[in-house]
Amino acid sequence: MMNIHTQYPPRTTRTIPALFGLFLCLGCFPILAQSPDPDFSTETARHRAHYKQEFLTEPRSPLTAQDTALLDFFQPAPAWQLVARFEPTPDAEPFDMPTYSGRKKPFKRYGFAYFDVAGTQYRLALYINLGLAQQETYRDHLFLPFKDHTNGETTYGGGRYLDLKTGDIAPDGTVILDLNKAYNPWCAYSDGFNCPIPPAENHLEMAVEAGERNFTGTRKQ
């Protein structure tokens, strides 16, 4: 469901891969220089190939087949599959999330995901897009936009996104945030899209060296 918040009609094909062999190494960062598990690398490569292919099936896609060769990603790292503790926020009020085009979109915070990195606790809010939620296909969709210290350096300055589903929250209240799947809004490639701006509560005071990096091609005006 890549960039369903920046374009219409929304995507229906993006999924969260099966979560097998997951582990979180909190006390041994940095682990990112180590070679990832072969199965994990294969699954991540499959996900990224699908991600690129989706650009070729969307009528309003900002990228061509040649452009997709210029997409860049951090090396897959199992350490960025974060096991988070989810806490719902049932009393949260709807609000308008601004976009980089100046328009606003209605959202509601669904809850917070709490996780540790190198012994420090962080949290990220997960949101419901109230417009998309009226469609049966997206009733269980959760949106996680965030910023971090890599923005404007190795990653897009406007932040990145992650998609989840309500069903990804386990009965024990845990949820996997696989930041290897963090992706750029379409505003990273071209003007003309309504890309939500990550709220201040989702600005991480750390560098997330995982997921999609800066586009190496020329941004379209």
Protein backbone atom coordinates (compact mmCIF):
# COMPACT_ATOMS: atom_id res chain seq x y z
CA MET A 1 0.00 0.00 0.00
CA MET A 2 2.79 2.36 -0.94
CA ASN A 3 1.98 6.07 -0.71
CA ILE A 4 -1.75 5.57 -0.39
CA HIS A 5 -1.74 8.79 1.62
CA THR A 6 -0.29 10.85 -1.24
CA GLN A 7 -2.26 9.62 -4.24
CA TYR A 8 -5.60 8.27 -5.44
CA PRO A 9 -6.78 5.60 -6.04
CA PRO A 10 -4.96 3.87 -3.16
CA ARG A 11 -2.85 0.76 -3.51
CA THR A 12 -4.08 -2.64 -2.45
CA THR A 13 -1.04 -4.86 -2.87
CA ARG A 14 1.47 -3.93 -0.20
CA THR A 15 1.63 -6.43 2.66
CA ILE A 16 3.63 -7.02 5.84
CA PRO A 17 5.76 -10.17 5.27
CA ALA A 18 5.52 -13.19 7.56
CA LEU A 19 7.44 -12.53 10.73
CA PHE A 20 9.70 -15.54 11.28
CA GLY A 21 13.09 -15.63 12.92
CA LEU A 22 12.65 -12.15 14.36
CA PHE A 23 14.92 -10.94 17.09
CA LEU A 24 15.87 -7.61 18.62
CA CYS A 25 19.40 -6.97 19.83
CA LEU A 26 18.94 -4.00 22.14
CA GLY A 27 22.12 -4.26 24.13
CA CYS A 28 24.51 -4.81 21.24
CA PHE A 29 24.03 -1.78 18.98
CA PRO A 30 25.58 -0.99 16.61
CA ILE A 31 24.78 -4.31 14.93
CA LEU A 32 24.10 -2.80 11.54
CA ALA A 33 27.57 -3.51 10.17
CA GLN A 34 27.13 -7.26 10.54
CA SER A 35 25.97 -9.43 7.67
CA PRO A 36 22.19 -9.96 7.87
CA ASP A 37 20.61 -13.40 7.96
CA PRO A 38 20.30 -14.82 4.40
CA ASP A 39 16.57 -15.48 4.79
CA PHE A 40 15.99 -11.97 6.09
CA SER A 41 18.02 -10.46 3.23
CA THR A 42 16.05 -12.49 0.68
CA GLU A 43 12.71 -11.41 2.12
CA THR A 44 13.80 -7.76 2.23
CA ALA A 45 15.03 -7.96 -1.37
CA ARG A 46 11.69 -9.44 -2.42
CA HIS A 47 9.83 -6.65 -0.64
CA ARG A 48 11.94 -3.97 -2.32
CA ALA A 49 11.50 -5.52 -5.76
CA HIS A 50 7.74 -5.45 -5.24
CA TYR A 51 7.98 -1.85 -4.03
CA LYS A 52 9.74 -0.83 -7.25
CA GLN A 53 7.27 -2.74 -9.41
CA GLU A 54 4.34 -0.85 -7.88
CA PHE A 55 5.63 2.38 -9.39
CA LEU A 56 5.06 0.87 -12.84
CA THR A 57 1.41 -0.05 -12.23
CA GLU A 58 0.12 3.26 -10.84
CA PRO A 59 -1.23 5.75 -13.42
CA ARG A 60 -0.03 8.75 -11.38
CA SER A 61 3.37 7.30 -10.47
CA PRO A 62 6.16 9.89 -10.45
CA LEU A 63 8.75 7.32 -11.56
CA THR A 64 9.47 5.39 -14.74
CA ALA A 65 11.13 1.99 -15.00
CA GLN A 66 14.46 3.77 -15.55
CA ASP A 67 13.86 5.89 -12.46
CA THR A 68 13.29 2.88 -10.22
CA ALA A 69 16.88 1.83 -10.85
CA LEU A 70 17.84 5.04 -9.02
CA LEU A 71 16.00 4.16 -5.81
CA ASP A 72 18.46 3.56 -2.99
CA PHE A 73 18.19 1.68 0.31
CA PHE A 74 20.20 0.98 3.43
CA GLN A 75 21.56 -2.54 3.80
CA PRO A 76 18.90 -4.84 5.32
CA ALA A 77 19.40 -5.06 9.07
CA PRO A 78 17.40 -7.34 11.39
CA ALA A 79 18.24 -5.02 14.29
CA TRP A 80 15.78 -2.50 12.83
CA GLN A 81 12.89 -4.95 13.16
CA LEU A 82 11.84 -3.39 16.45
CA VAL A 83 9.63 -5.23 18.89
CA ALA A 84 7.40 -2.49 20.29
CA ARG A 85 4.83 -2.36 23.09
CA PHE A 86 1.58 -0.93 21.78
CA GLU A 87 -0.72 1.24 23.88
CA PRO A 88 -4.02 2.36 22.29
CA THR A 89 -5.32 5.91 22.60
CA PRO A 90 -9.10 5.40 22.31
CA ASP A 91 -9.88 8.94 23.52
CA ALA A 92 -7.72 10.67 20.90
CA GLU A 93 -9.53 13.38 18.97
CA PRO A 94 -9.53 13.61 15.16
CA PHE A 95 -7.21 16.26 13.75
CA ASP A 96 -6.07 17.61 10.41
CA MET A 97 -2.58 16.52 9.42
CA PRO A 98 -0.95 19.10 7.11
CA THR A 99 0.71 18.02 3.87
CA TYR A 100 3.64 19.48 1.99
CA SER A 101 1.26 20.80 -0.67
CA GLY A 102 -0.58 22.93 1.88
CA ARG A 103 -3.69 20.78 2.02
CA LYS A 104 -4.81 18.92 5.14
CA LYS A 105 -6.09 15.40 5.67
CA PRO A 106 -8.18 14.06 8.57
CA PHE A 107 -6.45 11.58 10.87
CA LYS A 108 -6.87 10.16 14.34
CA ARG A 109 -4.13 8.74 16.56
CA TYR A 110 -4.72 5.02 17.08
CA GLY A 111 -2.03 4.50 19.70
CA PHE A 112 1.65 4.65 20.58
CA ALA A 113 4.34 2.04 19.96
CA TYR A 114 7.10 2.06 22.59
CA PHE A 115 10.49 0.49 21.86
CA ASP A 116 14.12 0.55 22.98
CA VAL A 117 17.20 1.24 20.89
CA ALA A 118 20.58 0.94 22.57
CA GLY A 119 18.97 1.19 25.99
CA THR A 120 16.97 4.35 25.24
CA GLN A 121 13.18 4.22 25.00
CA TYR A 122 11.37 5.89 22.12
CA ARG A 123 7.79 6.00 20.96
CA LEU A 124 6.00 6.53 17.67
CA ALA A 125 2.34 7.24 17.09
CA LEU A 126 0.27 5.16 14.68
CA TYR A 127 -2.60 6.93 12.94
CA ILE A 128 -5.83 6.13 11.15
CA ASN A 129 -6.45 8.01 7.91
CA LEU A 130 -10.13 8.81 8.43
CA GLY A 131 -10.72 9.27 4.71
CA LEU A 132 -9.24 5.90 3.76
CA ALA A 133 -10.88 4.18 6.73
CA GLN A 134 -14.29 4.65 5.08
CA GLN A 135 -13.21 2.19 2.39
CA GLU A 136 -13.58 -1.48 3.32
CA THR A 137 -10.12 -2.33 2.00
CA TYR A 138 -8.44 0.13 4.37
CA ARG A 139 -10.50 -0.19 7.54
CA ASP A 140 -7.58 -1.92 9.28
CA HIS A 141 -4.81 0.25 7.85
CA LEU A 142 -2.43 2.15 10.15
CA PHE A 143 -0.12 4.94 9.06
CA LEU A 144 3.23 5.67 10.71
CA PRO A 145 5.01 8.79 9.38
CA PHE A 146 8.27 9.75 11.09
CA LYS A 147 11.35 11.93 10.96
CA ASP A 148 14.83 11.18 12.29
CA HIS A 149 18.36 12.52 12.23
CA THR A 150 19.14 11.12 8.77
CA ASN A 151 16.60 13.44 7.10
CA GLY A 152 18.23 15.95 4.79
CA GLU A 153 21.46 13.96 4.86
CA THR A 154 21.16 10.35 3.70
CA THR A 155 17.34 10.29 3.59
CA TYR A 156 14.56 12.51 2.29
CA GLY A 157 14.27 15.74 4.28
CA GLY A 158 10.50 15.47 4.60
CA GLY A 159 10.59 12.20 6.55
CA ARG A 160 9.52 8.69 5.70
CA TYR A 161 6.49 6.43 6.11
CA LEU A 162 5.66 2.94 7.33
CA ASP A 163 2.39 1.03 6.78
CA LEU A 164 0.87 -1.45 9.22
CA LYS A 165 -2.48 -3.05 9.95
CA THR A 166 -4.45 -3.34 13.16
CA GLY A 167 -3.99 -7.11 12.84
CA ASP A 168 -0.22 -6.67 13.15
CA ILE A 169 -0.75 -5.89 16.84
CA ALA A 170 -0.40 -9.21 18.66
CA PRO A 171 -2.76 -10.33 21.44
CA ASP A 172 0.02 -9.67 23.96
CA GLY A 173 0.15 -6.03 22.90
CA THR A 174 3.37 -6.17 20.90
CA VAL A 175 3.86 -5.01 17.33
CA ILE A 176 6.82 -5.27 14.96
CA LEU A 177 8.04 -1.99 13.48
CA ASP A 178 10.22 -3.10 10.59
CA LEU A 179 12.03 0.11 9.72
CA ASN A 180 13.76 -1.69 6.85
CA LYS A 181 10.44 -1.07 5.09
CA ALA A 182 10.42 2.69 5.71
CA TYR A 183 9.75 4.39 2.37
CA ASN A 184 9.71 7.86 0.86
CA PRO A 185 6.56 9.85 0.16
CA TRP A 186 6.08 10.65 -3.51
CA CYS A 187 7.03 14.25 -2.75
CA ALA A 188 10.61 12.99 -2.63
CA TYR A 189 10.43 12.39 -6.39
CA SER A 190 8.11 15.07 -7.74
CA ASP A 191 5.87 18.03 -7.01
CA GLY A 192 2.11 17.66 -7.24
CA PHE A 193 1.36 15.26 -4.38
CA ASN A 194 -0.29 15.73 -0.98
CA CYS A 195 2.25 14.11 1.32
CA PRO A 196 1.43 14.22 5.05
CA ILE A 197 4.01 15.95 7.22
CA PRO A 198 5.09 13.72 10.13
CA PRO A 199 3.72 15.26 13.36
CA ALA A 200 6.19 16.56 15.94
CA GLU A 201 5.40 13.63 18.25
CA ASN A 202 6.93 11.33 15.60
CA HIS A 203 10.28 13.11 15.34
CA LEU A 204 12.89 10.65 16.60
CA GLU A 205 16.01 11.95 18.32
CA MET A 206 18.21 9.34 16.67
CA ALA A 207 19.37 8.27 13.21
CA VAL A 208 17.33 5.49 11.60
CA GLU A 209 19.79 4.02 9.11
CA ALA A 210 17.25 1.63 7.65
CA GLY A 211 14.77 1.61 4.81
CA GLU A 212 14.80 3.92 1.81
CA ARG A 213 17.56 6.48 1.30
CA ASN A 214 17.63 9.62 -0.82
CA PHE A 215 16.52 9.23 -4.44
CA THR A 216 19.66 9.30 -6.57
CA GLY A 217 17.85 10.62 -9.64
CA THR A 218 16.60 14.11 -10.46
CA ARG A 219 13.48 15.27 -8.67
CA LYS A 220 10.74 16.32 -11.08
CA GLN A 221 9.15 19.76 -10.83
